[in-house]
C-alpha atoms as a PDB file:
ATOM      1  CA  MET A   1      -2.883 -10.247 -38.915  1.00  0.00           C
ATOM      2  CA  TYR A   2      -5.802 -12.611 -37.543  1.00  0.00           C
ATOM      3  CA  VAL A   3      -5.673 -14.025 -33.633  1.00  0.00           C
ATOM      4  CA  THR A   4      -4.904 -17.451 -33.871  1.00  0.00           C
ATOM      5  CA  PRO A   5      -6.685 -19.638 -30.701  1.00  0.00           C
ATOM      6  CA  GLU A   6      -3.508 -19.937 -29.522  1.00  0.00           C
ATOM      7  CA  GLN A   7      -3.076 -16.265 -28.809  1.00  0.00           C
ATOM      8  CA  PHE A   8      -6.786 -15.787 -27.314  1.00  0.00           C
ATOM      9  CA  GLN A   9      -5.692 -18.870 -25.007  1.00  0.00           C
ATOM     10  CA  THR A  10      -2.572 -17.252 -23.690  1.00  0.00           C
ATOM     11  CA  ALA A  11      -4.009 -13.967 -23.216  1.00  0.00           C
ATOM     12  CA  ASN A  12      -6.988 -15.032 -21.269  1.00  0.00           C
ATOM     13  CA  LYS A  13      -4.717 -17.189 -19.368  1.00  0.00           C
ATOM     14  CA  THR A  14      -1.729 -13.998 -18.294  1.00  0.00           C
ATOM     15  CA  SER A  15      -5.378 -12.655 -17.803  1.00  0.00           C
ATOM     16  CA  ILE A  16      -6.838 -14.966 -15.263  1.00  0.00           C
ATOM     17  CA  GLU A  17      -3.100 -15.324 -13.792  1.00  0.00           C
ATOM     18  CA  ALA A  18      -2.664 -11.543 -13.073  1.00  0.00           C
ATOM     19  CA  ILE A  19      -6.184 -11.530 -11.781  1.00  0.00           C
ATOM     20  CA  LEU A  20      -5.439 -14.451  -8.827  1.00  0.00           C
ATOM     21  CA  SER A  21      -1.922 -12.809  -8.150  1.00  0.00           C
ATOM     22  CA  LEU A  22      -3.865  -9.919  -7.008  1.00  0.00           C
ATOM     23  CA  ALA A  23      -6.554 -11.744  -4.600  1.00  0.00           C
ATOM     24  CA  THR A  24      -3.500 -13.868  -3.187  1.00  0.00           C
ATOM     25  CA  THR A  25      -2.032 -10.763  -2.492  1.00  0.00           C
ATOM     26  CA  GLN A  26      -5.532  -8.869  -1.578  1.00  0.00           C
ATOM     27  CA  PHE A  27      -6.392 -12.335   1.020  1.00  0.00           C
ATOM     28  CA  ALA A  28      -2.297 -12.301   1.898  1.00  0.00           C
ATOM     29  CA  ALA A  29      -2.944  -8.590   3.334  1.00  0.00           C
ATOM     30  CA  PHE A  30      -6.355  -9.107   5.090  1.00  0.00           C
ATOM     31  CA  GLU A  31      -4.980 -11.814   6.950  1.00  0.00           C
ATOM     32  CA  LYS A  32      -2.109 -10.238   8.354  1.00  0.00           C
ATOM     33  CA  LEU A  33      -4.400  -7.497   9.220  1.00  0.00           C
ATOM     34  CA  ALA A  34      -6.878 -10.034  11.022  1.00  0.00           C
ATOM     35  CA  ASN A  35      -3.683 -11.018  13.024  1.00  0.00           C
ATOM     36  CA  LEU A  36      -2.999  -8.029  13.609  1.00  0.00           C
ATOM     37  CA  ASN A  37      -5.826  -6.928  15.018  1.00  0.00           C
ATOM     38  CA  ALA A  38      -6.555 -10.210  17.089  1.00  0.00           C
ATOM     39  CA  LYS A  39      -3.116  -9.424  18.901  1.00  0.00           C
ATOM     40  CA  ALA A  40      -4.050  -5.838  19.475  1.00  0.00           C
ATOM     41  CA  ILE A  41      -7.064  -7.191  21.166  1.00  0.00           C
ATOM     42  CA  GLN A  42      -6.035  -9.669  23.124  1.00  0.00           C
ATOM     43  CA  ALA A  43      -3.354  -7.228  24.638  1.00  0.00           C
ATOM     44  CA  ALA A  44      -5.525  -4.472  24.983  1.00  0.00           C
ATOM     45  CA  PHE A  45      -7.843  -7.003  27.139  1.00  0.00           C
ATOM     46  CA  GLU A  46      -4.710  -8.230  29.115  1.00  0.00           C
ATOM     47  CA  THR A  47      -3.474  -4.084  29.839  1.00  0.00           C
ATOM     48  CA  THR A  48      -6.787  -3.709  30.817  1.00  0.00           C
ATOM     49  CA  ILE A  49      -7.081  -6.529  33.273  1.00  0.00           C
ATOM     50  CA  ALA A  50      -3.650  -5.688  35.020  1.00  0.00           C
ATOM     51  CA  ASN A  51      -4.529  -1.675  34.885  1.00  0.00           C
ATOM     52  CA  ALA A  52      -8.106  -2.003  36.468  1.00  0.00           C
ATOM     53  CA  ARG A  53      -5.875  -4.257  39.086  1.00  0.00           C
ATOM     54  CA  ALA A  54      -3.385  -1.425  39.291  1.00  0.00           C
ATOM     55  CA  LEU A  55      -6.002   1.096  40.511  1.00  0.00           C
ATOM     56  CA  ALA A  56      -7.811  -1.139  42.423  1.00  0.00           C
ATOM     57  CA  GLY A  57      -5.135  -1.626  44.517  1.00  0.00           C
ATOM     58  CA  ALA A  58      -4.495   2.463  45.003  1.00  0.00           C
ATOM     59  CA  LYS A  59      -4.295   3.328  48.888  1.00  0.00           C
ATOM     60  CA  ASP A  60      -4.996   6.643  48.126  1.00  0.00           C
ATOM     61  CA  VAL A  61      -6.609   9.548  45.497  1.00  0.00           C
ATOM     62  CA  GLN A  62      -3.076  10.501  44.758  1.00  0.00           C
ATOM     63  CA  GLU A  63      -1.265   6.915  44.244  1.00  0.00           C
ATOM     64  CA  TYR A  64      -4.641   6.595  41.398  1.00  0.00           C
ATOM     65  CA  VAL A  65      -4.470   9.973  39.908  1.00  0.00           C
ATOM     66  CA  SER A  66      -0.405   8.864  39.473  1.00  0.00           C
ATOM     67  CA  LEU A  67      -1.204   5.541  38.357  1.00  0.00           C
ATOM     68  CA  GLN A  68      -3.721   6.513  35.603  1.00  0.00           C
ATOM     69  CA  SER A  69      -0.808   9.254  34.125  1.00  0.00           C
ATOM     70  CA  THR A  70       1.665   6.144  33.700  1.00  0.00           C
ATOM     71  CA  LEU A  71      -0.623   4.046  32.642  1.00  0.00           C
ATOM     72  CA  ALA A  72      -1.864   6.143  29.609  1.00  0.00           C
ATOM     73  CA  GLN A  73       1.218   6.363  28.208  1.00  0.00           C
ATOM     74  CA  PRO A  74       1.849   2.697  27.249  1.00  0.00           C
ATOM     75  CA  ALA A  75      -1.754   2.850  26.128  1.00  0.00           C
ATOM     76  CA  ILE A  76      -1.034   5.967  23.448  1.00  0.00           C
ATOM     77  CA  GLU A  77       2.383   3.707  22.523  1.00  0.00           C
ATOM     78  CA  ASN A  78       0.349   1.124  21.739  1.00  0.00           C
ATOM     79  CA  ALA A  79      -2.330   2.782  19.856  1.00  0.00           C
ATOM     80  CA  ILE A  80       0.783   3.884  17.844  1.00  0.00           C
ATOM     81  CA  ALA A  81       2.344   0.977  17.101  1.00  0.00           C
ATOM     82  CA  TYR A  82      -1.056  -0.268  15.772  1.00  0.00           C
ATOM     83  CA  SER A  83      -1.290   2.378  13.793  1.00  0.00           C
ATOM     84  CA  LYS A  84       1.841   1.800  12.421  1.00  0.00           C
ATOM     85  CA  SER A  85       1.166  -1.563  11.275  1.00  0.00           C
ATOM     86  CA  VAL A  86      -1.989  -1.110  10.005  1.00  0.00           C
ATOM     87  CA  TYR A  87      -0.062   1.878   7.661  1.00  0.00           C
ATOM     88  CA  ALA A  88       2.699  -1.091   6.924  1.00  0.00           C
ATOM     89  CA  VAL A  89       0.689  -3.970   5.746  1.00  0.00           C
ATOM     90  CA  ALA A  90      -1.787  -1.441   3.639  1.00  0.00           C
ATOM     91  CA  THR A  91       1.771  -0.203   1.828  1.00  0.00           C
ATOM     92  CA  GLU A  92       3.016  -3.311   1.469  1.00  0.00           C
ATOM     93  CA  ALA A  93      -0.102  -3.989  -0.778  1.00  0.00           C
ATOM     94  CA  SER A  94      -0.728  -0.552  -2.486  1.00  0.00           C
ATOM     95  CA  ASN A  95       3.142  -1.387  -3.740  1.00  0.00           C
ATOM     96  CA  GLU A  96       2.177  -5.389  -4.728  1.00  0.00           C
ATOM     97  CA  PHE A  97      -1.004  -3.751  -6.553  1.00  0.00           C
ATOM     98  CA  SER A  98       1.208  -1.078  -8.403  1.00  0.00           C
ATOM     99  CA  LYS A  99       3.982  -3.827  -9.081  1.00  0.00           C
ATOM    100  CA  ALA A 100       1.212  -5.784 -10.765  1.00  0.00           C
ATOM    101  CA  ALA A 101      -0.401  -3.034 -12.531  1.00  0.00           C
ATOM    102  CA  GLU A 102       2.849  -1.857 -13.818  1.00  0.00           C
ATOM    103  CA  GLN A 103       3.896  -5.050 -15.065  1.00  0.00           C
ATOM    104  CA  ARG A 104       0.233  -5.475 -17.013  1.00  0.00           C
ATOM    105  CA  VAL A 105       0.850  -1.848 -18.576  1.00  0.00           C
ATOM    106  CA  SER A 106       4.776  -2.853 -19.766  1.00  0.00           C
ATOM    107  CA  GLU A 107       3.105  -6.042 -20.957  1.00  0.00           C
ATOM    108  CA  LEU A 108       0.524  -4.227 -22.817  1.00  0.00           C
ATOM    109  CA  LYS A 109       2.914  -2.003 -24.469  1.00  0.00           C
ATOM    110  CA  GLU A 110       4.970  -4.468 -25.338  1.00  0.00           C
ATOM    111  CA  ASN A 111       1.721  -5.927 -27.401  1.00  0.00           C
ATOM    112  CA  PHE A 112       0.987  -2.788 -28.735  1.00  0.00           C
ATOM    113  CA  VAL A 113       4.241  -1.950 -30.229  1.00  0.00           C
ATOM    114  CA  SER A 114       4.616  -6.008 -31.874  1.00  0.00           C
ATOM    115  CA  LEU A 115       1.262  -5.470 -33.249  1.00  0.00           C
ATOM    116  CA  LEU A 116       2.027  -1.404 -34.684  1.00  0.00           C
ATOM    117  CA  ASP A 117       5.174  -3.877 -36.104  1.00  0.00           C
ATOM    118  CA  LYS A 118       3.007  -5.868 -37.757  1.00  0.00           C
ATOM    119  CA  ALA A 119       0.077  -3.158 -38.997  1.00  0.00           C
ATOM    120  CA  ALA A 120       3.215  -1.489 -40.394  1.00  0.00           C
ATOM    121  CA  LYS A 121       4.804  -4.121 -42.648  1.00  0.00           C
ATOM    122  CA  ASN A 122       0.780  -4.725 -44.284  1.00  0.00           C
ATOM    123  CA  ALA A 123       0.405  -1.224 -44.317  1.00  0.00           C
ATOM    124  CA  PRO A 124      -0.278  -0.017 -47.854  1.00  0.00           C
ATOM    125  CA  ALA A 125       2.208   2.009 -48.941  1.00  0.00           C
ATOM    126  CA  GLY A 126       3.087   5.673 -47.802  1.00  0.00           C
ATOM    127  CA  SER A 127       1.060   4.714 -44.489  1.00  0.00           C
ATOM    128  CA  ASP A 128       4.903   5.454 -42.688  1.00  0.00           C
ATOM    129  CA  VAL A 129       3.062   9.096 -41.638  1.00  0.00           C
ATOM    130  CA  ALA A 130       0.827   7.358 -39.643  1.00  0.00           C
ATOM    131  CA  VAL A 131       2.475   4.518 -38.637  1.00  0.00           C
ATOM    132  CA  ASN A 132       5.335   7.318 -36.571  1.00  0.00           C
ATOM    133  CA  ALA A 133       2.365   9.577 -35.665  1.00  0.00           C
ATOM    134  CA  VAL A 134       0.929   6.340 -33.582  1.00  0.00           C
ATOM    135  CA  ARG A 135       4.898   5.673 -32.354  1.00  0.00           C
ATOM    136  CA  GLN A 136       4.720   9.063 -31.761  1.00  0.00           C
ATOM    137  CA  MET A 137       1.828   9.378 -29.201  1.00  0.00           C
ATOM    138  CA  LEU A 138       2.793   6.014 -27.944  1.00  0.00           C
ATOM    139  CA  ALA A 139       5.928   7.623 -26.334  1.00  0.00           C
ATOM    140  CA  ALA A 140       3.985  10.689 -25.520  1.00  0.00           C
ATOM    141  CA  GLY A 141       2.128   8.152 -23.654  1.00  0.00           C
ATOM    142  CA  ASN A 142       4.865   6.109 -22.355  1.00  0.00           C
ATOM    143  CA  SER A 143       6.611   9.416 -21.066  1.00  0.00           C
ATOM    144  CA  ALA A 144       3.515  10.975 -19.446  1.00  0.00           C
ATOM    145  CA  TYR A 145       2.846   7.298 -17.390  1.00  0.00           C
ATOM    146  CA  ASP A 146       6.729   6.931 -16.075  1.00  0.00           C
ATOM    147  CA  ASN A 147       6.492  10.880 -15.410  1.00  0.00           C
ATOM    148  CA  PHE A 148       3.222  10.066 -13.331  1.00  0.00           C
ATOM    149  CA  THR A 149       4.987   7.224 -11.494  1.00  0.00           C
ATOM    150  CA  LYS A 150       7.860   8.994 -10.797  1.00  0.00           C
ATOM    151  CA  ALA A 151       5.578  11.484  -8.897  1.00  0.00           C
ATOM    152  CA  THR A 152       3.352   8.854  -7.387  1.00  0.00           C
ATOM    153  CA  LYS A 153       6.313   7.183  -5.692  1.00  0.00           C
ATOM    154  CA  GLN A 154       7.745  11.031  -4.656  1.00  0.00           C
ATOM    155  CA  ALA A 155       3.877  11.456  -2.791  1.00  0.00           C
ATOM    156  CA  THR A 156       4.516   7.956  -1.128  1.00  0.00           C
ATOM    157  CA  GLY A 157       7.639   8.890   0.158  1.00  0.00           C
ATOM    158  CA  ILE A 158       6.956  12.298   1.424  1.00  0.00           C
ATOM    159  CA  ALA A 159       3.723  10.871   2.644  1.00  0.00           C
ATOM    160  CA  GLU A 160       5.419   8.004   5.084  1.00  0.00           C
ATOM    161  CA  ALA A 161       7.820  10.778   5.900  1.00  0.00           C
ATOM    162  CA  ASN A 162       4.753  12.630   7.048  1.00  0.00           C
ATOM    163  CA  VAL A 163       3.747  10.093   8.959  1.00  0.00           C
ATOM    164  CA  ASP A 164       6.795   9.372  10.608  1.00  0.00           C
ATOM    165  CA  VAL A 165       6.930  12.787  12.014  1.00  0.00           C
ATOM    166  CA  ALA A 166       3.136  12.924  12.900  1.00  0.00           C
ATOM    167  CA  THR A 167       4.010   9.643  15.016  1.00  0.00           C
ATOM    168  CA  GLU A 168       6.668  11.125  16.819  1.00  0.00           C
ATOM    169  CA  THR A 169       5.070  14.473  17.430  1.00  0.00           C
ATOM    170  CA  VAL A 170       2.010  12.700  19.097  1.00  0.00           C
ATOM    171  CA  LYS A 171       4.881  10.174  21.238  1.00  0.00           C
ATOM    172  CA  GLY A 172       6.098  14.284  21.961  1.00  0.00           C
ATOM    173  CA  PHE A 173       2.962  15.196  22.878  1.00  0.00           C
ATOM    174  CA  ALA A 174       1.760  11.796  25.003  1.00  0.00           C
ATOM    175  CA  ALA A 175       5.678  11.671  27.026  1.00  0.00           C
ATOM    176  CA  LYS A 176       4.798  15.746  27.714  1.00  0.00           C
ATOM    177  CA  ALA A 177       1.245  15.155  29.119  1.00  0.00           C
ATOM    178  CA  SER A 178       1.956  12.251  31.262  1.00  0.00           C
ATOM    179  CA  LYS A 179       5.285  14.250  32.475  1.00  0.00           C
ATOM    180  CA  ALA A 180       2.575  17.390  33.442  1.00  0.00           C
ATOM    181  CA  ALA A 181       0.387  14.619  34.976  1.00  0.00           C
END
């Protein structure tokens, strides 16, 4: 039961590939956020110029106040859309990291089971009880991990639903506020 150079090389290659994959995922998320921010800044700048021109063209105070309330609604909607986009990028990156972690845990479980099987074959007589105990602990650990993963996915789903509800609530408040103004 010795580790061969080929096994060591394979393990290192797998680890490096996993790290590079995570780095690529992280860079892609950073790139998406950078593009999102650049577009948001450009849109905000263009909107600010257009709003300033519209407000400068107001003929009286009533028109000025009316324009302000009218111009506020799109700004709130843009802020909400931006927040949802940032949340979507973060969620996508998080999902990619979770998939990578799940794959790595699966590989580690397989390697451990394989190692356990090899150890059981070479174990002295009477060690079946210890090997079975380790297998039961592994099964219990796998079950706990699976339950944790399911609970995390459910919590994420609930959080996403809450974000959607909060977004709609803010839109409703913004619409009421602009009508009241």
